[in-house]
Amino acid sequence: MDERFIHNFTSQGGRFLYSLDESEVQANFEDVLVEHDFFETNVLCTDLNLRNRFNGFNLRFSDVHEDCSFFLTTCEYIISDNGGNFIFF
């Protein structure tokens, strides 16, 4: 990944979490949920694969943005071309 991208992303308040495997993805996701008190909240997520991937965190997935605490999507078209995850809140 381009170091300039990481620098620009984090200098503007973004948080970059690198995960080597699925267990680290799950742990990082849980850390974000804890930090922002997002458990048992509505989440805008239209991707069925992501819903299945993160279904063990007691989240209420929705297809509409109303009353959602954050947006969970792949970053395929947002910030990267490697198919990572992007959490926006």
PDB file of N, CA and C in Angstrom:
ATOM      1  N   MET A   1       0.849  -1.165   0.000  1.00  0.00           N
ATOM      2  CA  MET A   1       0.000   0.000   0.000  1.00  0.00           C
ATOM      3  C   MET A   1       0.901   1.235   0.000  1.00  0.00           C
ATOM      4  N   ASP A   2       0.470   2.235  -0.682  1.00  0.00           N
ATOM      5  CA  ASP A   2       1.233   3.469  -0.830  1.00  0.00           C
ATOM      6  C   ASP A   2       1.363   4.191   0.511  1.00  0.00           C
ATOM      7  N   GLU A   3       2.591   4.469   0.920  1.00  0.00           N
ATOM      8  CA  GLU A   3       2.821   5.157   2.199  1.00  0.00           C
ATOM      9  C   GLU A   3       2.225   6.557   2.193  1.00  0.00           C
ATOM     10  N   ARG A   4       2.214   7.220   1.045  1.00  0.00           N
ATOM     11  CA  ARG A   4       1.623   8.559   0.957  1.00  0.00           C
ATOM     12  C   ARG A   4       0.125   8.505   1.260  1.00  0.00           C
ATOM     13  N   PHE A   5      -0.560   7.478   0.729  1.00  0.00           N
ATOM     14  CA  PHE A   5      -1.977   7.315   1.016  1.00  0.00           C
ATOM     15  C   PHE A   5      -2.205   7.170   2.517  1.00  0.00           C
ATOM     16  N   ILE A   6      -1.423   6.305   3.157  1.00  0.00           N
ATOM     17  CA  ILE A   6      -1.571   6.081   4.598  1.00  0.00           C
ATOM     18  C   ILE A   6      -1.330   7.378   5.364  1.00  0.00           C
ATOM     19  N   HIS A   7      -0.297   8.110   5.008  1.00  0.00           N
ATOM     20  CA  HIS A   7       0.002   9.377   5.681  1.00  0.00           C
ATOM     21  C   HIS A   7      -1.148  10.367   5.503  1.00  0.00           C
ATOM     22  N   ASN A   8      -1.633  10.553   4.285  1.00  0.00           N
ATOM     23  CA  ASN A   8      -2.730  11.491   4.031  1.00  0.00           C
ATOM     24  C   ASN A   8      -4.003  11.061   4.745  1.00  0.00           C
ATOM     25  N   PHE A   9      -4.282   9.776   4.725  1.00  0.00           N
ATOM     26  CA  PHE A   9      -5.485   9.257   5.360  1.00  0.00           C
ATOM     27  C   PHE A   9      -5.460   9.486   6.866  1.00  0.00           C
ATOM     28  N   THR A  10      -4.346   9.151   7.511  1.00  0.00           N
ATOM     29  CA  THR A  10      -4.261   9.295   8.965  1.00  0.00           C
ATOM     30  C   THR A  10      -4.107  10.746   9.395  1.00  0.00           C
ATOM     31  N   SER A  11      -3.468  11.579   8.585  1.00  0.00           N
ATOM     32  CA  SER A  11      -3.301  12.986   8.962  1.00  0.00           C
ATOM     33  C   SER A  11      -4.619  13.745   8.920  1.00  0.00           C
ATOM     34  N   GLN A  12      -5.611  13.198   8.230  1.00  0.00           N
ATOM     35  CA  GLN A  12      -6.923  13.834   8.158  1.00  0.00           C
ATOM     36  C   GLN A  12      -7.924  13.170   9.100  1.00  0.00           C
ATOM     37  N   GLY A  13      -7.417  12.425  10.063  1.00  0.00           N
ATOM     38  CA  GLY A  13      -8.276  11.826  11.079  1.00  0.00           C
ATOM     39  C   GLY A  13      -8.653  10.384  10.814  1.00  0.00           C
ATOM     40  N   GLY A  14      -8.225   9.838   9.683  1.00  0.00           N
ATOM     41  CA  GLY A  14      -8.515   8.437   9.393  1.00  0.00           C
ATOM     42  C   GLY A  14      -7.692   7.520  10.271  1.00  0.00           C
ATOM     43  N   ARG A  15      -8.171   6.333  10.439  1.00  0.00           N
ATOM     44  CA  ARG A  15      -7.467   5.358  11.266  1.00  0.00           C
ATOM     45  C   ARG A  15      -7.170   4.143  10.407  1.00  0.00           C
ATOM     46  N   PHE A  16      -5.925   3.806  10.318  1.00  0.00           N
ATOM     47  CA  PHE A  16      -5.495   2.698   9.479  1.00  0.00           C
ATOM     48  C   PHE A  16      -5.163   1.506  10.359  1.00  0.00           C
ATOM     49  N   LEU A  17      -5.893   0.419  10.176  1.00  0.00           N
ATOM     50  CA  LEU A  17      -5.665  -0.809  10.935  1.00  0.00           C
ATOM     51  C   LEU A  17      -5.294  -1.909   9.954  1.00  0.00           C
ATOM     52  N   TYR A  18      -4.103  -2.434  10.077  1.00  0.00           N
ATOM     53  CA  TYR A  18      -3.635  -3.489   9.186  1.00  0.00           C
ATOM     54  C   TYR A  18      -3.831  -4.836   9.862  1.00  0.00           C
ATOM     55  N   SER A  19      -4.435  -5.765   9.128  1.00  0.00           N
ATOM     56  CA  SER A  19      -4.691  -7.098   9.673  1.00  0.00           C
ATOM     57  C   SER A  19      -4.055  -8.150   8.782  1.00  0.00           C
ATOM     58  N   LEU A  20      -3.357  -9.086   9.392  1.00  0.00           N
ATOM     59  CA  LEU A  20      -2.701 -10.153   8.638  1.00  0.00           C
ATOM     60  C   LEU A  20      -3.627 -11.322   8.329  1.00  0.00           C
ATOM     61  N   ASP A  21      -4.636 -11.523   9.167  1.00  0.00           N
ATOM     62  CA  ASP A  21      -5.535 -12.652   8.950  1.00  0.00           C
ATOM     63  C   ASP A  21      -6.919 -12.312   9.501  1.00  0.00           C
ATOM     64  N   GLU A  22      -7.848 -13.240   9.315  1.00  0.00           N
ATOM     65  CA  GLU A  22      -9.240 -12.998   9.705  1.00  0.00           C
ATOM     66  C   GLU A  22      -9.392 -12.764  11.206  1.00  0.00           C
ATOM     67  N   SER A  23      -8.617 -13.444  12.020  1.00  0.00           N
ATOM     68  CA  SER A  23      -8.741 -13.235  13.468  1.00  0.00           C
ATOM     69  C   SER A  23      -8.351 -11.807  13.842  1.00  0.00           C
ATOM     70  N   GLU A  24      -7.363 -11.242  13.175  1.00  0.00           N
ATOM     71  CA  GLU A  24      -6.987  -9.846  13.432  1.00  0.00           C
ATOM     72  C   GLU A  24      -8.046  -8.884  12.904  1.00  0.00           C
ATOM     73  N   VAL A  25      -8.676  -9.219  11.783  1.00  0.00           N
ATOM     74  CA  VAL A  25      -9.777  -8.393  11.272  1.00  0.00           C
ATOM     75  C   VAL A  25     -10.886  -8.337  12.310  1.00  0.00           C
ATOM     76  N   GLN A  26     -11.264  -9.496  12.834  1.00  0.00           N
ATOM     77  CA  GLN A  26     -12.337  -9.562  13.824  1.00  0.00           C
ATOM     78  C   GLN A  26     -11.962  -8.806  15.100  1.00  0.00           C
ATOM     79  N   ALA A  27     -10.728  -8.951  15.552  1.00  0.00           N
ATOM     80  CA  ALA A  27     -10.274  -8.258  16.766  1.00  0.00           C
ATOM     81  C   ALA A  27     -10.246  -6.749  16.552  1.00  0.00           C
ATOM     82  N   ASN A  28      -9.757  -6.293  15.414  1.00  0.00           N
ATOM     83  CA  ASN A  28      -9.733  -4.857  15.125  1.00  0.00           C
ATOM     84  C   ASN A  28     -11.143  -4.292  15.024  1.00  0.00           C
ATOM     85  N   PHE A  29     -12.040  -5.044  14.395  1.00  0.00           N
ATOM     86  CA  PHE A  29     -13.425  -4.595  14.276  1.00  0.00           C
ATOM     87  C   PHE A  29     -14.057  -4.460  15.662  1.00  0.00           C
ATOM     88  N   GLU A  30     -13.828  -5.445  16.509  1.00  0.00           N
ATOM     89  CA  GLU A  30     -14.363  -5.386  17.874  1.00  0.00           C
ATOM     90  C   GLU A  30     -13.786  -4.192  18.637  1.00  0.00           C
ATOM     91  N   ASP A  31     -12.504  -3.919  18.479  1.00  0.00           N
ATOM     92  CA  ASP A  31     -11.887  -2.765  19.144  1.00  0.00           C
ATOM     93  C   ASP A  31     -12.549  -1.457  18.725  1.00  0.00           C
ATOM     94  N   VAL A  32     -12.862  -1.323  17.443  1.00  0.00           N
ATOM     95  CA  VAL A  32     -13.537  -0.114  16.953  1.00  0.00           C
ATOM     96  C   VAL A  32     -14.938  -0.018  17.550  1.00  0.00           C
ATOM     97  N   LEU A  33     -15.658  -1.139  17.590  1.00  0.00           N
ATOM     98  CA  LEU A  33     -17.000  -1.138  18.176  1.00  0.00           C
ATOM     99  C   LEU A  33     -16.965  -0.735  19.645  1.00  0.00           C
ATOM    100  N   VAL A  34     -15.997  -1.249  20.384  1.00  0.00           N
ATOM    101  CA  VAL A  34     -15.864  -0.911  21.804  1.00  0.00           C
ATOM    102  C   VAL A  34     -15.516   0.562  21.964  1.00  0.00           C
ATOM    103  N   GLU A  35     -14.546   1.032  21.198  1.00  0.00           N
ATOM    104  CA  GLU A  35     -14.087   2.418  21.315  1.00  0.00           C
ATOM    105  C   GLU A  35     -15.209   3.423  21.076  1.00  0.00           C
ATOM    106  N   HIS A  36     -16.112   3.105  20.161  1.00  0.00           N
ATOM    107  CA  HIS A  36     -17.171   4.052  19.802  1.00  0.00           C
ATOM    108  C   HIS A  36     -18.543   3.643  20.326  1.00  0.00           C
ATOM    109  N   ASP A  37     -18.601   2.620  21.163  1.00  0.00           N
ATOM    110  CA  ASP A  37     -19.846   2.131  21.757  1.00  0.00           C
ATOM    111  C   ASP A  37     -20.890   1.821  20.680  1.00  0.00           C
ATOM    112  N   PHE A  38     -20.493   1.018  19.698  1.00  0.00           N
ATOM    113  CA  PHE A  38     -21.356   0.696  18.565  1.00  0.00           C
ATOM    114  C   PHE A  38     -22.079  -0.641  18.698  1.00  0.00           C
ATOM    115  N   PHE A  39     -21.901  -1.369  19.796  1.00  0.00           N
ATOM    116  CA  PHE A  39     -22.626  -2.624  19.948  1.00  0.00           C
ATOM    117  C   PHE A  39     -24.116  -2.345  20.049  1.00  0.00           C
ATOM    118  N   GLU A  40     -24.919  -3.258  19.508  1.00  0.00           N
ATOM    119  CA  GLU A  40     -26.377  -3.158  19.538  1.00  0.00           C
ATOM    120  C   GLU A  40     -26.869  -1.874  18.891  1.00  0.00           C
ATOM    121  N   THR A  41     -26.226  -1.457  17.800  1.00  0.00           N
ATOM    122  CA  THR A  41     -26.670  -0.281  17.055  1.00  0.00           C
ATOM    123  C   THR A  41     -27.018  -0.679  15.627  1.00  0.00           C
ATOM    124  N   ASN A  42     -27.691   0.234  14.933  1.00  0.00           N
ATOM    125  CA  ASN A  42     -28.025   0.036  13.528  1.00  0.00           C
ATOM    126  C   ASN A  42     -26.817   0.372  12.673  1.00  0.00           C
ATOM    127  N   VAL A  43     -26.572  -0.467  11.672  1.00  0.00           N
ATOM    128  CA  VAL A  43     -25.421  -0.320  10.790  1.00  0.00           C
ATOM    129  C   VAL A  43     -25.906  -0.352   9.347  1.00  0.00           C
ATOM    130  N   LEU A  44     -25.551   0.660   8.577  1.00  0.00           N
ATOM    131  CA  LEU A  44     -25.864   0.653   7.155  1.00  0.00           C
ATOM    132  C   LEU A  44     -24.870  -0.267   6.461  1.00  0.00           C
ATOM    133  N   CYS A  45     -25.365  -1.358   5.923  1.00  0.00           N
ATOM    134  CA  CYS A  45     -24.507  -2.325   5.223  1.00  0.00           C
ATOM    135  C   CYS A  45     -25.373  -3.076   4.221  1.00  0.00           C
ATOM    136  N   THR A  46     -25.090  -2.900   2.948  1.00  0.00           N
ATOM    137  CA  THR A  46     -25.872  -3.562   1.909  1.00  0.00           C
ATOM    138  C   THR A  46     -25.178  -4.803   1.354  1.00  0.00           C
ATOM    139  N   ASP A  47     -23.995  -5.090   1.819  1.00  0.00           N
ATOM    140  CA  ASP A  47     -23.204  -6.215   1.323  1.00  0.00           C
ATOM    141  C   ASP A  47     -23.464  -7.457   2.177  1.00  0.00           C
ATOM    142  N   LEU A  48     -24.086  -8.464   1.587  1.00  0.00           N
ATOM    143  CA  LEU A  48     -24.439  -9.677   2.324  1.00  0.00           C
ATOM    144  C   LEU A  48     -23.206 -10.399   2.868  1.00  0.00           C
ATOM    145  N   ASN A  49     -22.112 -10.386   2.127  1.00  0.00           N
ATOM    146  CA  ASN A  49     -20.879 -11.030   2.602  1.00  0.00           C
ATOM    147  C   ASN A  49     -20.353 -10.363   3.869  1.00  0.00           C
ATOM    148  N   LEU A  50     -20.397  -9.029   3.925  1.00  0.00           N
ATOM    149  CA  LEU A  50     -19.954  -8.327   5.133  1.00  0.00           C
ATOM    150  C   LEU A  50     -20.899  -8.594   6.297  1.00  0.00           C
ATOM    151  N   ARG A  51     -22.192  -8.641   6.013  1.00  0.00           N
ATOM    152  CA  ARG A  51     -23.154  -8.953   7.078  1.00  0.00           C
ATOM    153  C   ARG A  51     -22.846 -10.318   7.690  1.00  0.00           C
ATOM    154  N   ASN A  52     -22.563 -11.277   6.840  1.00  0.00           N
ATOM    155  CA  ASN A  52     -22.231 -12.622   7.330  1.00  0.00           C
ATOM    156  C   ASN A  52     -20.895 -12.637   8.060  1.00  0.00           C
ATOM    157  N   ARG A  53     -19.944 -11.888   7.556  1.00  0.00           N
ATOM    158  CA  ARG A  53     -18.602 -11.862   8.150  1.00  0.00           C
ATOM    159  C   ARG A  53     -18.617 -11.291   9.564  1.00  0.00           C
ATOM    160  N   PHE A  54     -19.474 -10.294   9.801  1.00  0.00           N
ATOM    161  CA  PHE A  54     -19.495  -9.608  11.092  1.00  0.00           C
ATOM    162  C   PHE A  54     -20.812  -9.818  11.840  1.00  0.00           C
ATOM    163  N   ASN A  55     -21.464 -10.952  11.625  1.00  0.00           N
ATOM    164  CA  ASN A  55     -22.767 -11.177  12.253  1.00  0.00           C
ATOM    165  C   ASN A  55     -22.682 -11.548  13.727  1.00  0.00           C
ATOM    166  N   GLY A  56     -21.505 -11.777  14.261  1.00  0.00           N
ATOM    167  CA  GLY A  56     -21.376 -12.177  15.660  1.00  0.00           C
ATOM    168  C   GLY A  56     -21.190 -11.024  16.633  1.00  0.00           C
ATOM    169  N   PHE A  57     -21.446  -9.797  16.189  1.00  0.00           N
ATOM    170  CA  PHE A  57     -21.188  -8.632  17.034  1.00  0.00           C
ATOM    171  C   PHE A  57     -22.454  -7.937  17.525  1.00  0.00           C
ATOM    172  N   ASN A  58     -23.585  -8.610  17.426  1.00  0.00           N
ATOM    173  CA  ASN A  58     -24.847  -8.061  17.924  1.00  0.00           C
ATOM    174  C   ASN A  58     -25.147  -6.692  17.317  1.00  0.00           C
ATOM    175  N   LEU A  59     -25.047  -6.611  15.996  1.00  0.00           N
ATOM    176  CA  LEU A  59     -25.364  -5.393  15.259  1.00  0.00           C
ATOM    177  C   LEU A  59     -26.665  -5.606  14.499  1.00  0.00           C
ATOM    178  N   ARG A  60     -27.383  -4.517  14.238  1.00  0.00           N
ATOM    179  CA  ARG A  60     -28.608  -4.576  13.448  1.00  0.00           C
ATOM    180  C   ARG A  60     -28.308  -3.978  12.073  1.00  0.00           C
ATOM    181  N   PHE A  61     -28.153  -4.836  11.078  1.00  0.00           N
ATOM    182  CA  PHE A  61     -27.815  -4.379   9.735  1.00  0.00           C
ATOM    183  C   PHE A  61     -29.055  -3.837   9.036  1.00  0.00           C
ATOM    184  N   SER A  62     -28.858  -2.762   8.290  1.00  0.00           N
ATOM    185  CA  SER A  62     -29.956  -2.098   7.604  1.00  0.00           C
ATOM    186  C   SER A  62     -29.543  -1.727   6.185  1.00  0.00           C
ATOM    187  N   ASP A  63     -30.535  -1.633   5.309  1.00  0.00           N
ATOM    188  CA  ASP A  63     -30.305  -1.183   3.936  1.00  0.00           C
ATOM    189  C   ASP A  63     -30.577   0.301   3.767  1.00  0.00           C
ATOM    190  N   VAL A  64     -31.093   0.942   4.796  1.00  0.00           N
ATOM    191  CA  VAL A  64     -31.386   2.383   4.736  1.00  0.00           C
ATOM    192  C   VAL A  64     -30.564   3.104   5.799  1.00  0.00           C
ATOM    193  N   HIS A  65     -30.201   4.338   5.517  1.00  0.00           N
ATOM    194  CA  HIS A  65     -29.263   5.057   6.386  1.00  0.00           C
ATOM    195  C   HIS A  65     -29.874   5.638   7.652  1.00  0.00           C
ATOM    196  N   GLU A  66     -31.181   5.716   7.736  1.00  0.00           N
ATOM    197  CA  GLU A  66     -31.811   6.355   8.889  1.00  0.00           C
ATOM    198  C   GLU A  66     -31.453   5.633  10.183  1.00  0.00           C
ATOM    199  N   ASP A  67     -31.072   6.415  11.176  1.00  0.00           N
ATOM    200  CA  ASP A  67     -30.761   5.915  12.520  1.00  0.00           C
ATOM    201  C   ASP A  67     -29.597   4.924  12.562  1.00  0.00           C
ATOM    202  N   CYS A  68     -28.701   4.983  11.593  1.00  0.00           N
ATOM    203  CA  CYS A  68     -27.529   4.107  11.604  1.00  0.00           C
ATOM    204  C   CYS A  68     -26.345   4.832  12.230  1.00  0.00           C
ATOM    205  N   SER A  69     -25.586   4.119  13.031  1.00  0.00           N
ATOM    206  CA  SER A  69     -24.417   4.698  13.688  1.00  0.00           C
ATOM    207  C   SER A  69     -23.215   4.774  12.763  1.00  0.00           C
ATOM    208  N   PHE A  70     -23.111   3.819  11.841  1.00  0.00           N
ATOM    209  CA  PHE A  70     -21.995   3.853  10.897  1.00  0.00           C
ATOM    210  C   PHE A  70     -22.332   3.069   9.641  1.00  0.00           C
ATOM    211  N   PHE A  71     -21.487   3.239   8.644  1.00  0.00           N
ATOM    212  CA  PHE A  71     -21.620   2.615   7.332  1.00  0.00           C
ATOM    213  C   PHE A  71     -20.485   1.618   7.165  1.00  0.00           C
ATOM    214  N   LEU A  72     -20.821   0.376   6.891  1.00  0.00           N
ATOM    215  CA  LEU A  72     -19.820  -0.671   6.693  1.00  0.00           C
ATOM    216  C   LEU A  72     -19.888  -1.124   5.246  1.00  0.00           C
ATOM    217  N   THR A  73     -18.763  -1.017   4.545  1.00  0.00           N
ATOM    218  CA  THR A  73     -18.726  -1.399   3.138  1.00  0.00           C
ATOM    219  C   THR A  73     -17.338  -1.891   2.765  1.00  0.00           C
ATOM    220  N   THR A  74     -17.248  -2.543   1.634  1.00  0.00           N
ATOM    221  CA  THR A  74     -15.932  -2.849   1.098  1.00  0.00           C
ATOM    222  C   THR A  74     -15.380  -1.546   0.547  1.00  0.00           C
ATOM    223  N   CYS A  75     -14.096  -1.437   0.501  1.00  0.00           N
ATOM    224  CA  CYS A  75     -13.507  -0.194  -0.004  1.00  0.00           C
ATOM    225  C   CYS A  75     -13.105  -0.326  -1.464  1.00  0.00           C
ATOM    226  N   GLU A  76     -13.665  -1.298  -2.125  1.00  0.00           N
ATOM    227  CA  GLU A  76     -13.324  -1.565  -3.518  1.00  0.00           C
ATOM    228  C   GLU A  76     -13.432  -0.313  -4.382  1.00  0.00           C
ATOM    229  N   TYR A  77     -14.458   0.489  -4.163  1.00  0.00           N
ATOM    230  CA  TYR A  77     -14.654   1.682  -4.973  1.00  0.00           C
ATOM    231  C   TYR A  77     -14.411   2.965  -4.202  1.00  0.00           C
ATOM    232  N   ILE A  78     -14.021   2.864  -2.959  1.00  0.00           N
ATOM    233  CA  ILE A  78     -13.879   4.059  -2.137  1.00  0.00           C
ATOM    234  C   ILE A  78     -12.430   4.492  -2.000  1.00  0.00           C
ATOM    235  N   ILE A  79     -11.598   3.675  -1.405  1.00  0.00           N
ATOM    236  CA  ILE A  79     -10.236   4.134  -1.123  1.00  0.00           C
ATOM    237  C   ILE A  79      -9.146   3.183  -1.575  1.00  0.00           C
ATOM    238  N   SER A  80      -9.513   2.036  -2.110  1.00  0.00           N
ATOM    239  CA  SER A  80      -8.473   1.062  -2.401  1.00  0.00           C
ATOM    240  C   SER A  80      -8.934   0.115  -3.492  1.00  0.00           C
ATOM    241  N   ASP A  81      -8.005  -0.616  -4.049  1.00  0.00           N
ATOM    242  CA  ASP A  81      -8.390  -1.618  -5.032  1.00  0.00           C
ATOM    243  C   ASP A  81      -8.045  -3.024  -4.573  1.00  0.00           C
ATOM    244  N   ASN A  82      -7.880  -3.205  -3.268  1.00  0.00           N
ATOM    245  CA  ASN A  82      -7.480  -4.529  -2.775  1.00  0.00           C
ATOM    246  C   ASN A  82      -8.604  -5.277  -2.074  1.00  0.00           C
ATOM    247  N   GLY A  83      -9.832  -4.738  -2.062  1.00  0.00           N
ATOM    248  CA  GLY A  83     -10.954  -5.450  -1.469  1.00  0.00           C
ATOM    249  C   GLY A  83     -10.981  -5.452   0.035  1.00  0.00           C
ATOM    250  N   GLY A  84     -10.289  -4.528   0.691  1.00  0.00           N
ATOM    251  CA  GLY A  84     -10.313  -4.435   2.149  1.00  0.00           C
ATOM    252  C   GLY A  84     -11.647  -3.920   2.647  1.00  0.00           C
ATOM    253  N   ASN A  85     -11.746  -3.694   3.928  1.00  0.00           N
ATOM    254  CA  ASN A  85     -12.973  -3.165   4.520  1.00  0.00           C
ATOM    255  C   ASN A  85     -12.784  -1.720   4.908  1.00  0.00           C
ATOM    256  N   PHE A  86     -13.856  -0.975   4.825  1.00  0.00           N
ATOM    257  CA  PHE A  86     -13.848   0.436   5.175  1.00  0.00           C
ATOM    258  C   PHE A  86     -15.015   0.685   6.102  1.00  0.00           C
ATOM    259  N   ILE A  87     -14.743   1.272   7.245  1.00  0.00           N
ATOM    260  CA  ILE A  87     -15.799   1.611   8.197  1.00  0.00           C
ATOM    261  C   ILE A  87     -15.874   3.116   8.266  1.00  0.00           C
ATOM    262  N   PHE A  88     -17.052   3.654   8.032  1.00  0.00           N
ATOM    263  CA  PHE A  88     -17.244   5.098   8.035  1.00  0.00           C
ATOM    264  C   PHE A  88     -18.297   5.435   9.065  1.00  0.00           C
ATOM    265  N   PHE A  89     -17.989   6.389   9.949  1.00  0.00           N
ATOM    266  CA  PHE A  89     -18.988   6.828  10.933  1.00  0.00           C
ATOM    267  C   PHE A  89     -18.826   8.283  11.209  1.00  0.00           C
TER     268      PHE A  89
END
